[in-house]
Amino acid sequence: MDRIGVVGCGLMGSGIAEIAARAGADVIVIERDAAAVAQGLARIEKSLSRAVSSGKVHEDEANRARGNLTFGEDYAMLSDRELVIEAVAEDEATKVAVFEALDSVVLDPHAILATNTSSIPIIKLAMATKRPEQVIGMHFFNPVPVLRLVEVISSLLTSSETTARVHAYASESLAKKVITSKDRAGFVVNALLIPYLLSAIRMLETGFASAEDIDTGMVLGCAHPLGPLALTDLIGLDTTLAVAESLYEEFKESHLAPPPLLSRMTQAGLLGRKSGQGFYSYKS
């Protein structure tokens, strides 16, 4: 698959677009408006420049990737794409609207529509289209150019051909390590990770330990690269809340219910790194 579309150019979408362009694909990125396009382009440029300065990417490769990228605001630009990856906000209604739009504009009868959702069941998005057998989950991890993992999630209606094509693209073209999951909220990684993050937030909320001690305990005691609260800041408190809500809606287990502190911080706009303040401050 050489003609790739990406919808959304935030933290995840920009990374997905970058690695696809670096792999040699012709990539069209769609955002909601010109300001969002400019922000997404700046994210990709910053990432490419950092990769060049660190010696991980040659300047020629970075320039080829830049040349492979096209940005716009019109879904119709995606009409000839072979694979379109949705990477908008972790909100079911928003994602359903994207899939309805893609189903009407992507004309290739064999095109695959993929979602980067962290937790929303794939079948809910597939049923917004007339081609549910060609809808699949491709869950990347932040930062996408660095972390090698991709979860591939097939719904009850995803065809074996779609699964095989996406598995091959992720592993061969993008050089990612692929794991597969059944279509349950949270899939593999977040079904294990989110309860851990929620437990850390509850521990902080009750005053049992400070944020610094909770994180230091897991970094130095369990050899985790980041403590759970710092990791929540990296993921985004709003995204963590959305995933927790999806998990709780599906399983109705008390340990999956979002702690009040997580809800209140999200309501206050304290979203972590993306807002400059979460459990820690990131303001210069």
Protein backbone atom coordinates (compact mmCIF):
# COMPACT_ATOMS: atom_id res chain seq x y z
CA MET A 1 0.00 0.00 0.00
CA ASP A 2 1.62 3.18 -1.25
CA ARG A 3 -1.25 5.71 -1.03
CA ILE A 4 -1.94 6.42 2.64
CA GLY A 5 -4.34 8.86 4.27
CA VAL A 6 -4.23 10.09 7.85
CA VAL A 7 -7.14 11.94 9.47
CA GLY A 8 -5.98 14.04 12.39
CA CYS A 9 -2.51 15.46 12.88
CA GLY A 10 -2.22 15.76 16.64
CA LEU A 11 0.36 13.90 18.70
CA MET A 12 -0.58 10.50 17.26
CA GLY A 13 -1.63 11.46 13.74
CA SER A 14 1.52 13.47 13.10
CA GLY A 15 3.67 10.52 14.15
CA ILE A 16 1.73 8.09 11.97
CA ALA A 17 1.98 10.44 8.98
CA GLU A 18 5.71 10.89 9.57
CA ILE A 19 6.59 7.19 9.67
CA ALA A 20 4.43 6.43 6.63
CA ALA A 21 6.15 9.22 4.69
CA ARG A 22 9.58 8.06 5.84
CA ALA A 23 8.66 4.57 4.60
CA GLY A 24 8.15 6.00 1.13
CA ALA A 25 4.36 6.24 0.91
CA ASP A 26 2.46 9.12 -0.63
CA VAL A 27 0.69 10.49 2.44
CA ILE A 28 -2.27 12.89 2.55
CA VAL A 29 -3.07 14.34 5.97
CA ILE A 30 -6.49 15.85 6.69
CA GLU A 31 -7.17 18.25 9.55
CA ARG A 32 -10.22 20.29 10.54
CA ASP A 33 -8.85 23.75 9.63
CA ALA A 34 -5.78 25.67 8.52
CA ALA A 35 -4.59 26.31 12.07
CA ALA A 36 -4.66 22.58 12.88
CA VAL A 37 -2.81 21.84 9.63
CA ALA A 38 -0.09 24.33 10.59
CA GLN A 39 0.24 22.81 14.05
CA GLY A 40 0.47 19.29 12.63
CA LEU A 41 3.07 20.30 10.06
CA ALA A 42 5.11 21.95 12.82
CA ARG A 43 4.97 18.75 14.92
CA ILE A 44 6.26 16.65 12.04
CA GLU A 45 8.98 19.16 11.18
CA LYS A 46 10.14 19.27 14.80
CA SER A 47 10.24 15.47 14.96
CA LEU A 48 12.14 15.13 11.67
CA SER A 49 14.63 17.83 12.67
CA ARG A 50 15.22 16.12 16.02
CA ALA A 51 15.77 12.77 14.28
CA VAL A 52 18.30 14.36 11.90
CA SER A 53 20.19 16.16 14.67
CA SER A 54 20.41 12.94 16.70
CA GLY A 55 21.81 11.05 13.73
CA LYS A 56 18.90 8.59 13.56
CA VAL A 57 17.73 9.92 10.19
CA HIS A 58 19.83 11.28 7.33
CA GLU A 59 18.92 14.72 5.99
CA ASP A 60 18.15 13.20 2.56
CA GLU A 61 15.66 10.79 4.13
CA ALA A 62 14.01 13.62 6.05
CA ASN A 63 13.70 15.66 2.86
CA ARG A 64 12.15 12.71 1.01
CA ALA A 65 9.63 12.32 3.84
CA ARG A 66 8.75 16.01 3.64
CA GLY A 67 8.18 15.63 -0.10
CA ASN A 68 5.85 12.67 0.48
CA LEU A 69 3.47 14.68 2.67
CA THR A 70 0.43 16.67 1.51
CA PHE A 71 -1.89 18.49 3.90
CA GLY A 72 -5.48 19.61 3.48
CA GLU A 73 -8.90 20.09 5.03
CA ASP A 74 -11.11 18.30 2.45
CA TYR A 75 -11.93 14.60 2.94
CA ALA A 76 -12.39 14.31 -0.83
CA MET A 77 -8.59 14.45 -1.14
CA LEU A 78 -8.58 10.88 0.21
CA SER A 79 -10.64 9.44 -2.65
CA ASP A 80 -7.79 7.33 -4.11
CA ARG A 81 -6.22 6.13 -0.86
CA GLU A 82 -5.51 2.43 -0.28
CA LEU A 83 -5.33 2.79 3.51
CA VAL A 84 -6.75 5.61 5.65
CA ILE A 85 -5.85 5.77 9.34
CA GLU A 86 -8.11 7.81 11.61
CA ALA A 87 -6.31 9.49 14.52
CA VAL A 88 -8.74 12.09 15.87
CA ALA A 89 -9.74 12.68 19.50
CA GLU A 90 -10.69 9.64 21.60
CA ASP A 91 -14.42 10.32 21.38
CA GLU A 92 -16.81 7.77 19.93
CA ALA A 93 -19.19 10.23 18.26
CA THR A 94 -16.30 12.11 16.64
CA LYS A 95 -14.76 8.91 15.31
CA VAL A 96 -18.08 7.58 14.02
CA ALA A 97 -18.57 10.83 12.07
CA VAL A 98 -15.09 10.43 10.54
CA PHE A 99 -15.85 6.88 9.40
CA GLU A 100 -19.17 7.93 7.91
CA ALA A 101 -17.33 10.62 5.94
CA LEU A 102 -14.55 8.27 4.82
CA ASP A 103 -17.04 5.66 3.66
CA SER A 104 -18.57 8.18 1.29
CA VAL A 105 -15.35 9.61 -0.19
CA VAL A 106 -12.81 6.75 -0.35
CA LEU A 107 -13.54 5.19 -3.73
CA ASP A 108 -11.12 2.27 -3.96
CA PRO A 109 -13.34 -0.80 -3.37
CA HIS A 110 -10.42 -2.56 -1.68
CA ALA A 111 -9.38 0.38 0.54
CA ILE A 112 -8.93 -0.28 4.24
CA LEU A 113 -10.22 2.13 6.88
CA ALA A 114 -8.26 1.87 10.12
CA THR A 115 -8.65 3.52 13.50
CA ASN A 116 -5.96 4.43 16.01
CA THR A 117 -8.47 4.29 18.87
CA SER A 118 -7.09 3.39 22.29
CA SER A 119 -10.20 1.62 23.51
CA ILE A 120 -13.38 2.09 21.45
CA PRO A 121 -14.67 -1.24 20.08
CA ILE A 122 -13.83 -1.50 16.38
CA ILE A 123 -17.26 -2.86 15.49
CA LYS A 124 -18.90 0.43 16.57
CA LEU A 125 -16.85 2.27 13.95
CA ALA A 126 -17.14 -0.47 11.34
CA MET A 127 -20.95 -0.33 11.46
CA ALA A 128 -20.82 3.37 10.54
CA THR A 129 -19.67 2.20 7.08
CA LYS A 130 -21.00 -0.01 4.30
CA ARG A 131 -17.71 -1.96 4.31
CA PRO A 132 -17.28 -3.30 7.86
CA GLU A 133 -15.10 -6.14 6.57
CA GLN A 134 -12.51 -3.51 5.58
CA VAL A 135 -12.45 -1.68 8.94
CA ILE A 136 -9.74 -2.56 11.46
CA GLY A 137 -7.87 -1.19 14.46
CA MET A 138 -4.25 -0.02 14.16
CA HIS A 139 -3.29 1.24 17.61
CA PHE A 140 0.09 2.99 17.62
CA PHE A 141 1.92 4.22 20.72
CA ASN A 142 3.30 7.66 21.55
CA PRO A 143 5.84 8.75 20.37
CA VAL A 144 4.98 6.87 17.18
CA PRO A 145 8.39 7.31 15.46
CA VAL A 146 10.13 5.82 18.51
CA LEU A 147 7.90 3.08 19.96
CA ARG A 148 7.88 -0.04 17.81
CA LEU A 149 4.57 -1.58 18.87
CA VAL A 150 1.31 -1.62 16.91
CA GLU A 151 -1.81 -3.43 18.09
CA VAL A 152 -3.90 -4.79 15.21
CA ILE A 153 -7.51 -5.39 16.23
CA SER A 154 -10.02 -7.19 14.03
CA SER A 155 -13.75 -6.91 14.70
CA LEU A 156 -16.18 -9.80 14.27
CA LEU A 157 -16.70 -8.63 10.68
CA THR A 158 -13.12 -7.73 9.65
CA SER A 159 -12.02 -9.98 6.80
CA SER A 160 -8.93 -12.15 7.04
CA GLU A 161 -7.59 -10.38 3.93
CA THR A 162 -7.86 -6.97 5.63
CA THR A 163 -6.09 -8.29 8.72
CA ALA A 164 -3.29 -9.83 6.66
CA ARG A 165 -2.75 -6.68 4.58
CA VAL A 166 -2.59 -4.42 7.63
CA HIS A 167 -0.31 -6.82 9.52
CA ALA A 168 2.06 -6.92 6.54
CA TYR A 169 2.03 -3.14 6.08
CA ALA A 170 2.74 -2.44 9.76
CA SER A 171 5.48 -5.05 10.09
CA GLU A 172 7.16 -4.81 6.69
CA SER A 173 6.69 -1.23 5.49
CA LEU A 174 6.65 0.51 8.88
CA ALA A 175 9.04 -1.92 10.61
CA LYS A 176 6.75 -2.22 13.64
CA LYS A 177 6.29 -5.17 15.96
CA VAL A 178 2.66 -6.26 15.64
CA ILE A 179 0.54 -7.88 18.32
CA THR A 180 -3.07 -8.88 17.71
CA SER A 181 -6.10 -8.53 19.92
CA LYS A 182 -9.76 -9.41 19.93
CA ASP A 183 -12.20 -6.51 19.73
CA ARG A 184 -12.68 -5.73 23.41
CA ALA A 185 -12.41 -2.28 24.97
CA GLY A 186 -8.79 -1.49 25.80
CA PHE A 187 -7.43 -4.32 23.63
CA VAL A 188 -4.19 -5.74 25.14
CA VAL A 189 -2.10 -2.81 26.34
CA ASN A 190 -4.71 -0.44 27.74
CA ALA A 191 -6.70 -3.24 29.34
CA LEU A 192 -3.60 -3.82 31.48
CA LEU A 193 -2.21 -0.28 31.65
CA ILE A 194 -5.25 1.85 32.51
CA PRO A 195 -6.16 0.05 35.78
CA TYR A 196 -2.54 0.57 36.88
CA LEU A 197 -2.69 4.31 36.09
CA LEU A 198 -6.05 4.66 37.85
CA SER A 199 -4.64 2.94 40.94
CA ALA A 200 -1.79 5.45 41.06
CA ILE A 201 -4.22 8.36 40.76
CA ARG A 202 -6.36 6.95 43.60
CA MET A 203 -3.23 6.56 45.73
CA LEU A 204 -2.39 10.24 45.17
CA GLU A 205 -6.01 11.29 45.71
CA THR A 206 -6.18 9.66 49.14
CA GLY A 207 -2.93 11.30 50.27
CA PHE A 208 -1.26 7.92 50.73
CA ALA A 209 1.88 9.12 48.90
CA SER A 210 3.10 12.09 46.89
CA ALA A 211 3.19 12.10 43.09
CA GLU A 212 6.98 12.12 43.17
CA ASP A 213 7.18 9.15 45.55
CA ILE A 214 4.63 7.12 43.60
CA ASP A 215 6.54 7.63 40.37
CA THR A 216 9.97 7.15 41.93
CA GLY A 217 8.77 3.90 43.49
CA MET A 218 7.77 2.46 40.12
CA VAL A 219 10.80 3.79 38.23
CA LEU A 220 13.43 2.64 40.72
CA GLY A 221 11.54 -0.25 42.25
CA CYS A 222 10.13 -1.84 39.09
CA ALA A 223 12.48 -0.47 36.40
CA HIS A 224 9.68 1.36 34.59
CA PRO A 225 10.98 4.13 32.30
CA LEU A 226 8.26 6.49 33.57
CA GLY A 227 6.17 6.51 36.71
CA PRO A 228 2.40 6.11 36.30
CA LEU A 229 1.53 9.76 36.93
CA ALA A 230 4.22 11.07 34.58
CA LEU A 231 3.00 8.55 32.01
CA THR A 232 -0.58 9.76 32.44
CA ASP A 233 0.68 13.30 31.78
CA LEU A 234 2.37 12.05 28.60
CA ILE A 235 -0.72 10.18 27.39
CA GLY A 236 -3.00 13.07 28.34
CA LEU A 237 -5.44 13.05 31.23
CA ASP A 238 -8.35 13.52 28.83
CA THR A 239 -7.31 10.48 26.79
CA THR A 240 -6.77 8.44 29.96
CA LEU A 241 -10.24 9.44 31.16
CA ALA A 242 -11.81 8.52 27.81
CA VAL A 243 -10.17 5.08 27.80
CA ALA A 244 -11.18 4.45 31.42
CA GLU A 245 -14.77 5.37 30.60
CA SER A 246 -14.77 2.98 27.61
CA LEU A 247 -13.40 0.17 29.77
CA TYR A 248 -15.90 0.82 32.56
CA GLU A 249 -18.81 1.00 30.08
CA GLU A 250 -17.87 -2.41 28.68
CA PHE A 251 -16.95 -4.33 31.84
CA LYS A 252 -18.66 -2.42 34.70
CA GLU A 253 -15.83 -3.30 37.10
CA SER A 254 -15.18 -0.85 39.94
CA HIS A 255 -11.40 -0.69 39.47
CA LEU A 256 -12.02 0.68 35.94
CA ALA A 257 -14.16 3.62 37.12
CA PRO A 258 -12.31 6.94 36.68
CA PRO A 259 -11.26 8.47 40.03
CA PRO A 260 -12.89 11.85 40.79
CA LEU A 261 -9.47 13.54 40.72
CA LEU A 262 -8.92 12.46 37.09
CA SER A 263 -12.34 13.79 36.10
CA ARG A 264 -11.87 17.11 37.91
CA MET A 265 -8.40 17.72 36.47
CA THR A 266 -9.69 17.02 32.97
CA GLN A 267 -12.60 19.41 33.50
CA ALA A 268 -10.10 22.04 34.68
CA GLY A 269 -8.00 21.66 31.53
CA LEU A 270 -5.06 20.17 33.44
CA LEU A 271 -4.35 17.59 30.73
CA GLY A 272 -0.65 16.93 31.22
CA ARG A 273 2.15 17.75 28.80
CA LYS A 274 -0.22 18.96 26.07
CA SER A 275 -1.62 21.72 28.32
CA GLY A 276 1.57 22.44 30.27
CA GLN A 277 0.15 21.22 33.58
CA GLY A 278 -1.02 17.87 34.86
CA PHE A 279 0.31 15.99 37.84
CA TYR A 280 3.52 17.91 37.07
CA SER A 281 4.22 21.31 35.53
CA TYR A 282 5.70 21.50 32.03
CA LYS A 283 5.68 25.27 31.69
CA SER A 284 9.03 26.84 30.90
